[in-house]
Amino acid sequence: MPIYRYITIEPDGRESEEFEVEQAISAPPLKVHPENGKPVKRIYDKLNINIDYTPGQEKSLSDISRIKRAGFKVLQKDKISGKYFEK
Protein backbone atom coordinates (compact mmCIF):
# COMPACT_ATOMS: atom_id res chain seq x y z
CA MET A 1 0.00 0.00 0.00
CA PRO A 2 1.28 3.49 -0.75
CA ILE A 3 2.26 5.94 1.95
CA TYR A 4 0.70 9.40 1.63
CA ARG A 5 2.01 12.57 3.24
CA TYR A 6 -0.31 15.11 4.85
CA ILE A 7 0.10 18.42 6.64
CA THR A 8 -2.23 19.87 9.27
CA ILE A 9 -3.84 23.28 8.79
CA GLU A 10 -4.02 25.51 11.86
CA PRO A 11 -7.10 27.70 12.54
CA ASP A 12 -5.16 30.77 11.37
CA GLY A 13 -4.49 29.05 8.01
CA ARG A 14 -0.81 28.27 8.43
CA GLU A 15 0.54 24.80 7.83
CA SER A 16 1.80 22.86 10.83
CA GLU A 17 2.56 19.19 11.57
CA GLU A 18 3.52 16.88 8.73
CA PHE A 19 2.66 13.17 8.96
CA GLU A 20 2.40 10.04 6.83
CA VAL A 21 -0.43 7.53 6.49
CA GLU A 22 -0.46 4.17 4.74
CA GLN A 23 -3.66 4.04 2.65
CA ALA A 24 -5.07 2.04 -0.21
CA ILE A 25 -4.99 3.79 -3.57
CA SER A 26 -8.77 3.58 -3.72
CA ALA A 27 -9.18 5.24 -0.28
CA PRO A 28 -10.32 8.87 -0.33
CA PRO A 29 -7.82 11.46 0.98
CA LEU A 30 -8.04 12.31 4.68
CA LYS A 31 -9.85 15.52 5.61
CA VAL A 32 -8.86 15.61 9.30
CA HIS A 33 -5.87 14.39 11.32
CA PRO A 34 -6.66 10.89 12.69
CA GLU A 35 -5.44 11.79 16.21
CA ASN A 36 -6.11 15.50 16.83
CA GLY A 37 -9.00 16.17 14.41
CA LYS A 38 -7.38 19.23 12.77
CA PRO A 39 -8.04 19.77 9.05
CA VAL A 40 -5.34 18.39 6.75
CA LYS A 41 -4.29 18.51 3.12
CA ARG A 42 -2.35 15.93 1.14
CA ILE A 43 1.17 16.82 0.08
CA TYR A 44 2.06 15.76 -3.45
CA ASP A 45 5.67 14.71 -3.73
CA LYS A 46 7.84 13.63 -6.61
CA LEU A 47 7.96 9.93 -7.35
CA ASN A 48 10.79 8.03 -5.75
CA ILE A 49 11.89 5.75 -8.55
CA ASN A 50 15.54 4.79 -8.58
CA ILE A 51 16.67 4.10 -12.12
CA ASP A 52 20.40 4.34 -12.67
CA TYR A 53 21.12 3.53 -16.29
CA THR A 54 24.57 3.92 -17.69
CA PRO A 55 24.98 4.56 -21.40
CA GLY A 56 26.15 0.94 -21.81
CA GLN A 57 23.08 -0.46 -20.05
CA GLU A 58 20.78 1.75 -22.11
CA LYS A 59 22.45 0.61 -25.33
CA SER A 60 22.13 -3.06 -24.38
CA LEU A 61 18.45 -2.64 -23.42
CA SER A 62 17.66 -1.09 -26.81
CA ASP A 63 19.67 -3.63 -28.81
CA ILE A 64 17.50 -4.80 -31.72
CA SER A 65 18.47 -8.48 -31.42
CA ARG A 66 17.58 -8.43 -27.70
CA ILE A 67 14.20 -6.83 -28.47
CA LYS A 68 13.43 -9.45 -31.14
CA ARG A 69 14.44 -12.32 -28.79
CA ALA A 70 11.92 -10.95 -26.28
CA GLY A 71 9.19 -11.43 -28.91
CA PHE A 72 8.69 -7.83 -30.03
CA LYS A 73 8.66 -6.54 -33.60
CA VAL A 74 10.97 -3.68 -34.51
CA LEU A 75 9.27 -1.20 -36.84
CA GLN A 76 10.81 1.59 -38.85
CA LYS A 77 8.92 4.56 -40.29
CA ASP A 78 9.23 5.32 -44.00
CA LYS A 79 10.10 9.01 -44.31
CA ILE A 80 8.18 9.47 -47.58
CA SER A 81 4.93 7.56 -47.03
CA GLY A 82 4.84 7.80 -43.23
CA LYS A 83 3.99 4.10 -42.99
CA TYR A 84 5.73 1.62 -40.75
CA PHE A 85 7.44 -1.56 -41.90
CA GLU A 86 9.20 -4.37 -40.07
CA LYS A 87 12.94 -3.82 -39.82
PDB file of N, CA and C in Angstrom:
ATOM      1  N   MET A   1       0.847  -1.182   0.000  1.00  0.00           N
ATOM      2  CA  MET A   1       0.000   0.000   0.000  1.00  0.00           C
ATOM      3  C   MET A   1       0.890   1.243   0.000  1.00  0.00           C
ATOM      4  N   PRO A   2       0.486   2.268  -0.716  1.00  0.00           N
ATOM      5  CA  PRO A   2       1.284   3.488  -0.754  1.00  0.00           C
ATOM      6  C   PRO A   2       1.191   4.275   0.556  1.00  0.00           C
ATOM      7  N   ILE A   3       2.219   5.058   0.781  1.00  0.00           N
ATOM      8  CA  ILE A   3       2.255   5.939   1.949  1.00  0.00           C
ATOM      9  C   ILE A   3       2.035   7.357   1.449  1.00  0.00           C
ATOM     10  N   TYR A   4       1.028   8.031   2.014  1.00  0.00           N
ATOM     11  CA  TYR A   4       0.699   9.401   1.626  1.00  0.00           C
ATOM     12  C   TYR A   4       1.142  10.362   2.715  1.00  0.00           C
ATOM     13  N   ARG A   5       1.590  11.539   2.288  1.00  0.00           N
ATOM     14  CA  ARG A   5       2.014  12.572   3.238  1.00  0.00           C
ATOM     15  C   ARG A   5       0.920  13.630   3.342  1.00  0.00           C
ATOM     16  N   TYR A   6       0.681  14.075   4.570  1.00  0.00           N
ATOM     17  CA  TYR A   6      -0.314  15.107   4.854  1.00  0.00           C
ATOM     18  C   TYR A   6       0.310  16.169   5.737  1.00  0.00           C
ATOM     19  N   ILE A   7      -0.317  17.341   5.750  1.00  0.00           N
ATOM     20  CA  ILE A   7       0.101  18.422   6.638  1.00  0.00           C
ATOM     21  C   ILE A   7      -1.148  19.013   7.281  1.00  0.00           C
ATOM     22  N   THR A   8      -1.068  19.310   8.573  1.00  0.00           N
ATOM     23  CA  THR A   8      -2.235  19.866   9.269  1.00  0.00           C
ATOM     24  C   THR A   8      -2.333  21.360   8.992  1.00  0.00           C
ATOM     25  N   ILE A   9      -3.557  21.867   9.004  1.00  0.00           N
ATOM     26  CA  ILE A   9      -3.837  23.285   8.789  1.00  0.00           C
ATOM     27  C   ILE A   9      -4.329  23.861  10.114  1.00  0.00           C
ATOM     28  N   GLU A  10      -3.634  24.861  10.606  1.00  0.00           N
ATOM     29  CA  GLU A  10      -4.019  25.511  11.859  1.00  0.00           C
ATOM     30  C   GLU A  10      -5.222  26.428  11.623  1.00  0.00           C
ATOM     31  N   PRO A  11      -5.935  26.812  12.699  1.00  0.00           N
ATOM     32  CA  PRO A  11      -7.103  27.699  12.541  1.00  0.00           C
ATOM     33  C   PRO A  11      -6.777  29.026  11.853  1.00  0.00           C
ATOM     34  N   ASP A  12      -5.531  29.511  12.016  1.00  0.00           N
ATOM     35  CA  ASP A  12      -5.156  30.775  11.370  1.00  0.00           C
ATOM     36  C   ASP A  12      -4.734  30.584   9.911  1.00  0.00           C
ATOM     37  N   GLY A  13      -4.775  29.323   9.418  1.00  0.00           N
ATOM     38  CA  GLY A  13      -4.494  29.050   8.008  1.00  0.00           C
ATOM     39  C   GLY A  13      -3.076  28.599   7.728  1.00  0.00           C
ATOM     40  N   ARG A  14      -2.186  28.683   8.696  1.00  0.00           N
ATOM     41  CA  ARG A  14      -0.807  28.266   8.434  1.00  0.00           C
ATOM     42  C   ARG A  14      -0.687  26.744   8.529  1.00  0.00           C
ATOM     43  N   GLU A  15       0.313  26.237   7.826  1.00  0.00           N
ATOM     44  CA  GLU A  15       0.543  24.799   7.827  1.00  0.00           C
ATOM     45  C   GLU A  15       1.396  24.424   9.022  1.00  0.00           C
ATOM     46  N   SER A  16       1.147  23.233   9.584  1.00  0.00           N
ATOM     47  CA  SER A  16       1.802  22.856  10.830  1.00  0.00           C
ATOM     48  C   SER A  16       2.448  21.480  10.710  1.00  0.00           C
ATOM     49  N   GLU A  17       1.963  20.526  11.466  1.00  0.00           N
ATOM     50  CA  GLU A  17       2.561  19.194  11.569  1.00  0.00           C
ATOM     51  C   GLU A  17       2.423  18.401  10.275  1.00  0.00           C
ATOM     52  N   GLU A  18       3.518  17.751   9.899  1.00  0.00           N
ATOM     53  CA  GLU A  18       3.515  16.882   8.733  1.00  0.00           C
ATOM     54  C   GLU A  18       3.513  15.440   9.221  1.00  0.00           C
ATOM     55  N   PHE A  19       2.712  14.577   8.563  1.00  0.00           N
ATOM     56  CA  PHE A  19       2.660  13.174   8.961  1.00  0.00           C
ATOM     57  C   PHE A  19       2.370  12.298   7.747  1.00  0.00           C
ATOM     58  N   GLU A  20       2.606  10.993   7.913  1.00  0.00           N
ATOM     59  CA  GLU A  20       2.403  10.035   6.833  1.00  0.00           C
ATOM     60  C   GLU A  20       1.376   8.999   7.239  1.00  0.00           C
ATOM     61  N   VAL A  21       0.598   8.550   6.252  1.00  0.00           N
ATOM     62  CA  VAL A  21      -0.432   7.533   6.488  1.00  0.00           C
ATOM     63  C   VAL A  21      -0.361   6.506   5.367  1.00  0.00           C
ATOM     64  N   GLU A  22      -0.403   5.233   5.733  1.00  0.00           N
ATOM     65  CA  GLU A  22      -0.462   4.169   4.743  1.00  0.00           C
ATOM     66  C   GLU A  22      -1.929   3.945   4.395  1.00  0.00           C
ATOM     67  N   GLN A  23      -2.270   4.145   3.109  1.00  0.00           N
ATOM     68  CA  GLN A  23      -3.660   4.039   2.654  1.00  0.00           C
ATOM     69  C   GLN A  23      -3.720   3.285   1.339  1.00  0.00           C
ATOM     70  N   ALA A  24      -4.845   2.663   1.090  1.00  0.00           N
ATOM     71  CA  ALA A  24      -5.074   2.039  -0.210  1.00  0.00           C
ATOM     72  C   ALA A  24      -5.220   3.133  -1.266  1.00  0.00           C
ATOM     73  N   ILE A  25      -4.862   2.816  -2.480  1.00  0.00           N
ATOM     74  CA  ILE A  25      -4.987   3.794  -3.570  1.00  0.00           C
ATOM     75  C   ILE A  25      -6.435   4.219  -3.746  1.00  0.00           C
ATOM     76  N   SER A  26      -7.349   3.290  -3.530  1.00  0.00           N
ATOM     77  CA  SER A  26      -8.771   3.580  -3.722  1.00  0.00           C
ATOM     78  C   SER A  26      -9.382   4.368  -2.558  1.00  0.00           C
ATOM     79  N   ALA A  27      -8.654   4.510  -1.445  1.00  0.00           N
ATOM     80  CA  ALA A  27      -9.185   5.236  -0.281  1.00  0.00           C
ATOM     81  C   ALA A  27      -9.215   6.734  -0.560  1.00  0.00           C
ATOM     82  N   PRO A  28     -10.278   7.421  -0.122  1.00  0.00           N
ATOM     83  CA  PRO A  28     -10.316   8.870  -0.325  1.00  0.00           C
ATOM     84  C   PRO A  28      -9.286   9.562   0.563  1.00  0.00           C
ATOM     85  N   PRO A  29      -8.790  10.739   0.156  1.00  0.00           N
ATOM     86  CA  PRO A  29      -7.817  11.458   0.984  1.00  0.00           C
ATOM     87  C   PRO A  29      -8.429  11.845   2.337  1.00  0.00           C
ATOM     88  N   LEU A  30      -7.569  11.893   3.357  1.00  0.00           N
ATOM     89  CA  LEU A  30      -8.040  12.305   4.677  1.00  0.00           C
ATOM     90  C   LEU A  30      -8.454  13.773   4.646  1.00  0.00           C
ATOM     91  N   LYS A  31      -9.432  14.126   5.469  1.00  0.00           N
ATOM     92  CA  LYS A  31      -9.854  15.518   5.609  1.00  0.00           C
ATOM     93  C   LYS A  31      -9.438  16.083   6.955  1.00  0.00           C
ATOM     94  N   VAL A  32      -9.286  15.176   7.954  1.00  0.00           N
ATOM     95  CA  VAL A  32      -8.861  15.606   9.298  1.00  0.00           C
ATOM     96  C   VAL A  32      -7.771  14.660   9.798  1.00  0.00           C
ATOM     97  N   HIS A  33      -6.947  15.180  10.710  1.00  0.00           N
ATOM     98  CA  HIS A  33      -5.873  14.390  11.320  1.00  0.00           C
ATOM     99  C   HIS A  33      -6.517  13.267  12.136  1.00  0.00           C
ATOM    100  N   PRO A  34      -6.025  12.019  11.996  1.00  0.00           N
ATOM    101  CA  PRO A  34      -6.664  10.895  12.686  1.00  0.00           C
ATOM    102  C   PRO A  34      -6.567  10.971  14.211  1.00  0.00           C
ATOM    103  N   GLU A  35      -5.610  11.720  14.763  1.00  0.00           N
ATOM    104  CA  GLU A  35      -5.445  11.794  16.214  1.00  0.00           C
ATOM    105  C   GLU A  35      -5.992  13.074  16.833  1.00  0.00           C
ATOM    106  N   ASN A  36      -5.693  14.232  16.195  1.00  0.00           N
ATOM    107  CA  ASN A  36      -6.105  15.497  16.826  1.00  0.00           C
ATOM    108  C   ASN A  36      -7.310  16.174  16.167  1.00  0.00           C
ATOM    109  N   GLY A  37      -7.796  15.650  15.042  1.00  0.00           N
ATOM    110  CA  GLY A  37      -9.004  16.173  14.411  1.00  0.00           C
ATOM    111  C   GLY A  37      -8.839  17.477  13.648  1.00  0.00           C
ATOM    112  N   LYS A  38      -7.604  17.989  13.526  1.00  0.00           N
ATOM    113  CA  LYS A  38      -7.382  19.230  12.770  1.00  0.00           C
ATOM    114  C   LYS A  38      -7.514  18.959  11.276  1.00  0.00           C
ATOM    115  N   PRO A  39      -7.948  19.963  10.502  1.00  0.00           N
ATOM    116  CA  PRO A  39      -8.039  19.768   9.051  1.00  0.00           C
ATOM    117  C   PRO A  39      -6.651  19.515   8.459  1.00  0.00           C
ATOM    118  N   VAL A  40      -6.614  18.720   7.405  1.00  0.00           N
ATOM    119  CA  VAL A  40      -5.343  18.390   6.748  1.00  0.00           C
ATOM    120  C   VAL A  40      -5.470  18.525   5.240  1.00  0.00           C
ATOM    121  N   LYS A  41      -4.317  18.602   4.579  1.00  0.00           N
ATOM    122  CA  LYS A  41      -4.286  18.514   3.118  1.00  0.00           C
ATOM    123  C   LYS A  41      -3.159  17.580   2.731  1.00  0.00           C
ATOM    124  N   ARG A  42      -3.348  16.881   1.624  1.00  0.00           N
ATOM    125  CA  ARG A  42      -2.351  15.929   1.145  1.00  0.00           C
ATOM    126  C   ARG A  42      -1.218  16.696   0.474  1.00  0.00           C
ATOM    127  N   ILE A  43      -0.006  16.228   0.713  1.00  0.00           N
ATOM    128  CA  ILE A  43       1.174  16.822   0.079  1.00  0.00           C
ATOM    129  C   ILE A  43       1.552  15.932  -1.090  1.00  0.00           C
ATOM    130  N   TYR A  44       1.662  16.521  -2.263  1.00  0.00           N
ATOM    131  CA  TYR A  44       2.059  15.759  -3.447  1.00  0.00           C
ATOM    132  C   TYR A  44       3.557  15.905  -3.616  1.00  0.00           C
ATOM    133  N   ASP A  45       4.220  14.773  -3.638  1.00  0.00           N
ATOM    134  CA  ASP A  45       5.670  14.711  -3.731  1.00  0.00           C
ATOM    135  C   ASP A  45       6.077  14.129  -5.064  1.00  0.00           C
ATOM    136  N   LYS A  46       7.342  14.275  -5.399  1.00  0.00           N
ATOM    137  CA  LYS A  46       7.836  13.632  -6.608  1.00  0.00           C
ATOM    138  C   LYS A  46       7.927  12.131  -6.380  1.00  0.00           C
ATOM    139  N   LEU A  47       7.842  11.377  -7.450  1.00  0.00           N
ATOM    140  CA  LEU A  47       7.955   9.931  -7.347  1.00  0.00           C
ATOM    141  C   LEU A  47       9.371   9.554  -6.934  1.00  0.00           C
ATOM    142  N   ASN A  48       9.493   8.506  -6.179  1.00  0.00           N
ATOM    143  CA  ASN A  48      10.795   8.032  -5.747  1.00  0.00           C
ATOM    144  C   ASN A  48      11.112   6.737  -6.482  1.00  0.00           C
ATOM    145  N   ILE A  49      11.544   6.893  -7.731  1.00  0.00           N
ATOM    146  CA  ILE A  49      11.892   5.745  -8.549  1.00  0.00           C
ATOM    147  C   ILE A  49      13.385   5.819  -8.812  1.00  0.00           C
ATOM    148  N   ASN A  50      14.097   4.800  -8.425  1.00  0.00           N
ATOM    149  CA  ASN A  50      15.540   4.785  -8.578  1.00  0.00           C
ATOM    150  C   ASN A  50      15.909   4.009  -9.832  1.00  0.00           C
ATOM    151  N   ILE A  51      16.256   4.723 -10.872  1.00  0.00           N
ATOM    152  CA  ILE A  51      16.665   4.097 -12.121  1.00  0.00           C
ATOM    153  C   ILE A  51      18.019   4.680 -12.501  1.00  0.00           C
ATOM    154  N   ASP A  52      19.048   3.903 -12.330  1.00  0.00           N
ATOM    155  CA  ASP A  52      20.397   4.339 -12.672  1.00  0.00           C
ATOM    156  C   ASP A  52      20.872   3.576 -13.897  1.00  0.00           C
ATOM    157  N   TYR A  53      20.656   4.149 -15.067  1.00  0.00           N
ATOM    158  CA  TYR A  53      21.118   3.532 -16.293  1.00  0.00           C
ATOM    159  C   TYR A  53      22.412   4.195 -16.719  1.00  0.00           C
ATOM    160  N   THR A  54      23.360   3.391 -17.085  1.00  0.00           N
ATOM    161  CA  THR A  54      24.567   3.923 -17.688  1.00  0.00           C
ATOM    162  C   THR A  54      24.361   3.878 -19.195  1.00  0.00           C
ATOM    163  N   PRO A  55      25.143   4.621 -19.947  1.00  0.00           N
ATOM    164  CA  PRO A  55      24.976   4.557 -21.403  1.00  0.00           C
ATOM    165  C   PRO A  55      25.120   3.136 -21.956  1.00  0.00           C
ATOM    166  N   GLY A  56      25.992   2.323 -21.362  1.00  0.00           N
ATOM    167  CA  GLY A  56      26.153   0.937 -21.814  1.00  0.00           C
ATOM    168  C   GLY A  56      24.912   0.108 -21.552  1.00  0.00           C
ATOM    169  N   GLN A  57      24.301   0.271 -20.373  1.00  0.00           N
ATOM    170  CA  GLN A  57      23.081  -0.461 -20.045  1.00  0.00           C
ATOM    171  C   GLN A  57      21.949  -0.051 -20.982  1.00  0.00           C
ATOM    172  N   GLU A  58      21.844   1.256 -21.240  1.00  0.00           N
ATOM    173  CA  GLU A  58      20.785   1.750 -22.114  1.00  0.00           C
ATOM    174  C   GLU A  58      20.939   1.193 -23.528  1.00  0.00           C
ATOM    175  N   LYS A  59      22.191   1.142 -23.996  1.00  0.00           N
ATOM    176  CA  LYS A  59      22.447   0.609 -25.329  1.00  0.00           C
ATOM    177  C   LYS A  59      22.083  -0.872 -25.396  1.00  0.00           C
ATOM    178  N   SER A  60      22.438  -1.633 -24.354  1.00  0.00           N
ATOM    179  CA  SER A  60      22.128  -3.064 -24.381  1.00  0.00           C
ATOM    180  C   SER A  60      20.625  -3.311 -24.278  1.00  0.00           C
ATOM    181  N   LEU A  61      19.902  -2.457 -23.553  1.00  0.00           N
ATOM    182  CA  LEU A  61      18.454  -2.637 -23.422  1.00  0.00           C
ATOM    183  C   LEU A  61      17.729  -2.328 -24.726  1.00  0.00           C
ATOM    184  N   SER A  62      18.308  -1.453 -25.551  1.00  0.00           N
ATOM    185  CA  SER A  62      17.658  -1.092 -26.813  1.00  0.00           C
ATOM    186  C   SER A  62      18.261  -1.824 -28.010  1.00  0.00           C
ATOM    187  N   ASP A  63      19.075  -2.840 -27.749  1.00  0.00           N
ATOM    188  CA  ASP A  63      19.674  -3.633 -28.813  1.00  0.00           C
ATOM    189  C   ASP A  63      18.574  -4.373 -29.579  1.00  0.00           C
ATOM    190  N   ILE A  64      18.559  -4.240 -30.891  1.00  0.00           N
ATOM    191  CA  ILE A  64      17.496  -4.801 -31.721  1.00  0.00           C
ATOM    192  C   ILE A  64      17.397  -6.316 -31.586  1.00  0.00           C
ATOM    193  N   SER A  65      18.526  -7.014 -31.543  1.00  0.00           N
ATOM    194  CA  SER A  65      18.466  -8.482 -31.423  1.00  0.00           C
ATOM    195  C   SER A  65      17.858  -8.882 -30.076  1.00  0.00           C
ATOM    196  N   ARG A  66      18.159  -8.143 -29.026  1.00  0.00           N
ATOM    197  CA  ARG A  66      17.578  -8.427 -27.703  1.00  0.00           C
ATOM    198  C   ARG A  66      16.058  -8.204 -27.722  1.00  0.00           C
ATOM    199  N   ILE A  67      15.629  -7.141 -28.385  1.00  0.00           N
ATOM    200  CA  ILE A  67      14.198  -6.827 -28.472  1.00  0.00           C
ATOM    201  C   ILE A  67      13.461  -7.929 -29.240  1.00  0.00           C
ATOM    202  N   LYS A  68      14.050  -8.387 -30.341  1.00  0.00           N
ATOM    203  CA  LYS A  68      13.426  -9.451 -31.141  1.00  0.00           C
ATOM    204  C   LYS A  68      13.378 -10.760 -30.372  1.00  0.00           C
ATOM    205  N   ARG A  69      14.428 -11.090 -29.606  1.00  0.00           N
ATOM    206  CA  ARG A  69      14.442 -12.316 -28.795  1.00  0.00           C
ATOM    207  C   ARG A  69      13.336 -12.286 -27.741  1.00  0.00           C
ATOM    208  N   ALA A  70      12.979 -11.083 -27.279  1.00  0.00           N
ATOM    209  CA  ALA A  70      11.920 -10.946 -26.276  1.00  0.00           C
ATOM    210  C   ALA A  70      10.530 -11.076 -26.910  1.00  0.00           C
ATOM    211  N   GLY A  71      10.469 -11.209 -28.243  1.00  0.00           N
ATOM    212  CA  GLY A  71       9.191 -11.431 -28.909  1.00  0.00           C
ATOM    213  C   GLY A  71       8.540 -10.183 -29.480  1.00  0.00           C
ATOM    214  N   PHE A  72       9.252  -9.063 -29.484  1.00  0.00           N
ATOM    215  CA  PHE A  72       8.694  -7.826 -30.035  1.00  0.00           C
ATOM    216  C   PHE A  72       9.110  -7.650 -31.485  1.00  0.00           C
ATOM    217  N   LYS A  73       8.307  -6.908 -32.232  1.00  0.00           N
ATOM    218  CA  LYS A  73       8.662  -6.538 -33.598  1.00  0.00           C
ATOM    219  C   LYS A  73       9.310  -5.159 -33.558  1.00  0.00           C
ATOM    220  N   VAL A  74      10.316  -4.977 -34.385  1.00  0.00           N
ATOM    221  CA  VAL A  74      10.968  -3.676 -34.505  1.00  0.00           C
ATOM    222  C   VAL A  74      10.469  -3.050 -35.795  1.00  0.00           C
ATOM    223  N   LEU A  75       9.830  -1.896 -35.679  1.00  0.00           N
ATOM    224  CA  LEU A  75       9.273  -1.204 -36.844  1.00  0.00           C
ATOM    225  C   LEU A  75      10.082   0.046 -37.147  1.00  0.00           C
ATOM    226  N   GLN A  76      10.134   0.377 -38.422  1.00  0.00           N
ATOM    227  CA  GLN A  76      10.807   1.590 -38.852  1.00  0.00           C
ATOM    228  C   GLN A  76       9.832   2.385 -39.714  1.00  0.00           C
ATOM    229  N   LYS A  77       9.842   3.700 -39.552  1.00  0.00           N
ATOM    230  CA  LYS A  77       8.915   4.556 -40.295  1.00  0.00           C
ATOM    231  C   LYS A  77       9.554   5.003 -41.607  1.00  0.00           C
ATOM    232  N   ASP A  78       8.792   4.838 -42.692  1.00  0.00           N
ATOM    233  CA  ASP A  78       9.230   5.318 -43.997  1.00  0.00           C
ATOM    234  C   ASP A  78       9.061   6.838 -44.026  1.00  0.00           C
ATOM    235  N   LYS A  79      10.132   7.546 -44.353  1.00  0.00           N
ATOM    236  CA  LYS A  79      10.097   9.011 -44.313  1.00  0.00           C
ATOM    237  C   LYS A  79       9.168   9.607 -45.377  1.00  0.00           C
ATOM    238  N   ILE A  80       8.995   8.937 -46.472  1.00  0.00           N
ATOM    239  CA  ILE A  80       8.175   9.475 -47.576  1.00  0.00           C
ATOM    240  C   ILE A  80       6.690   9.188 -47.350  1.00  0.00           C
ATOM    241  N   SER A  81       6.349   7.912 -47.144  1.00  0.00           N
ATOM    242  CA  SER A  81       4.932   7.557 -47.028  1.00  0.00           C
ATOM    243  C   SER A  81       4.395   7.729 -45.612  1.00  0.00           C
ATOM    244  N   GLY A  82       5.284   7.702 -44.621  1.00  0.00           N
ATOM    245  CA  GLY A  82       4.843   7.798 -43.228  1.00  0.00           C
ATOM    246  C   GLY A  82       4.344   6.478 -42.658  1.00  0.00           C
ATOM    247  N   LYS A  83       4.435   5.415 -43.445  1.00  0.00           N
ATOM    248  CA  LYS A  83       3.989   4.097 -42.992  1.00  0.00           C
ATOM    249  C   LYS A  83       5.135   3.364 -42.309  1.00  0.00           C
ATOM    250  N   TYR A  84       4.748   2.417 -41.468  1.00  0.00           N
ATOM    251  CA  TYR A  84       5.730   1.625 -40.746  1.00  0.00           C
ATOM    252  C   TYR A  84       5.919   0.272 -41.396  1.00  0.00           C
ATOM    253  N   PHE A  85       7.144  -0.226 -41.388  1.00  0.00           N
ATOM    254  CA  PHE A  85       7.445  -1.558 -41.897  1.00  0.00           C
ATOM    255  C   PHE A  85       8.386  -2.240 -40.920  1.00  0.00           C
ATOM    256  N   GLU A  86       8.365  -3.604 -40.977  1.00  0.00           N
ATOM    257  CA  GLU A  86       9.198  -4.370 -40.068  1.00  0.00           C
ATOM    258  C   GLU A  86      10.648  -4.262 -40.493  1.00  0.00           C
ATOM    259  N   LYS A  87      11.510  -4.015 -39.539  1.00  0.00           N
ATOM    260  CA  LYS A  87      12.938  -3.822 -39.821  1.00  0.00           C
ATOM    261  C   LYS A  87      13.616  -5.159 -39.935  1.00  0.00           C
TER     262      LYS A  87
END
